[in-house]
């Protein structure tokens, strides 16, 4: 008898998440020089790693034979100072994705549901599937969350609402007014998850979701060190919520889930706000260039608020493949039922120029 017959049936139904393709993989497959490939697929930092984090990691290398601090004491103390919350308001994960998984462990199970926008981060739907909960997907208003529709989708069995803001992959943001109206009506027995991986690098004003944590509401705000601080390879994120929610989410957390190097780098990166400001300037300048060029090409796009932009190119998967052959990696949006679109990370000026030059070539070919 095959052991596969005994696998959790909820897990068997899950389609695994497909990340942006690595440079090395594309180089091997297409016979390209990896040094000549531009990756604009995963919303990574074009400035690299926070210099303060690099210095801290170099200093710590000789101590990597020790297990990590399971309670992340020094990082917890540092981030507590950064936000002005006491240390017991924080939980750390191997990326903020792991905290979404903790939410699944703690709040989602067969017979309950979670509500999310239909074109929000696909991990929410995957997590629901893993734990046997129903993912209730709500149509968006254009490419933006419709929080009024989200409220209407709440059912007696709803346990969690996921709001990705700015939203990945559409690049749109719901503002303070909409969030405030939503929070004024959402039932108190539901956990509202504000997934804000791009908060620090958003160049439009973010809603003050931390105010709901201060008010002791049933809210958790998720943040990440991957985008603003360039620590994507270390996989470290965190959640901010009232202590009773944090204690519940700590129960499924495995010991040593955040490695020592990640903790050290993250604590140092918090002091590197100059790096974050430089990043925002690069993203804003790059976004302006890409939008201007797309307008000249007659391409529709969604004006971005962070470090990625959605562009309507016709056949998204074909354009993705052709760009890849020419050494530019982006993301096709067919997994989000946006088959005519691609998502492009904003890079350095040279990376943006290369992408736009190749995009013109590819689009012109398809027009003929």
Foldseek 3Di string as FASTA:
>chain_A
DDCVVVPDPLLVPFDDDDAFDDLVVLCVVLVHDSVLFAEFAHLFFQVAFQPLLVVLLVVCVVVQVDFADQLLVLLLVLVCVVVVHHSLQKDKFLACLVLLLLCLVQFAAAPAEEEEALQADCSNCNSNSNRNHHYHHFYDPVLHRDLVRSQVSDDPRYAEYEDEAVGPPQQHGDAQVRVVVSVVPHDQRHAYEYEDQFQLLFPDDHHPPVVCQVVQGNYKYKYGCRNQRRPNVQRMIMIGHHNVVSVSSCPPDDGSRRGRSRSSSSSSSSVRSVSSVVSNVQQVVQLVVVVVLCVVVVWDWDRHRGFKIKIFQAQQVVLQVQVSSVNYHWAQDVVSVRRRIIMGGRHGPVSSVVSSVSSVVSSVVVVD
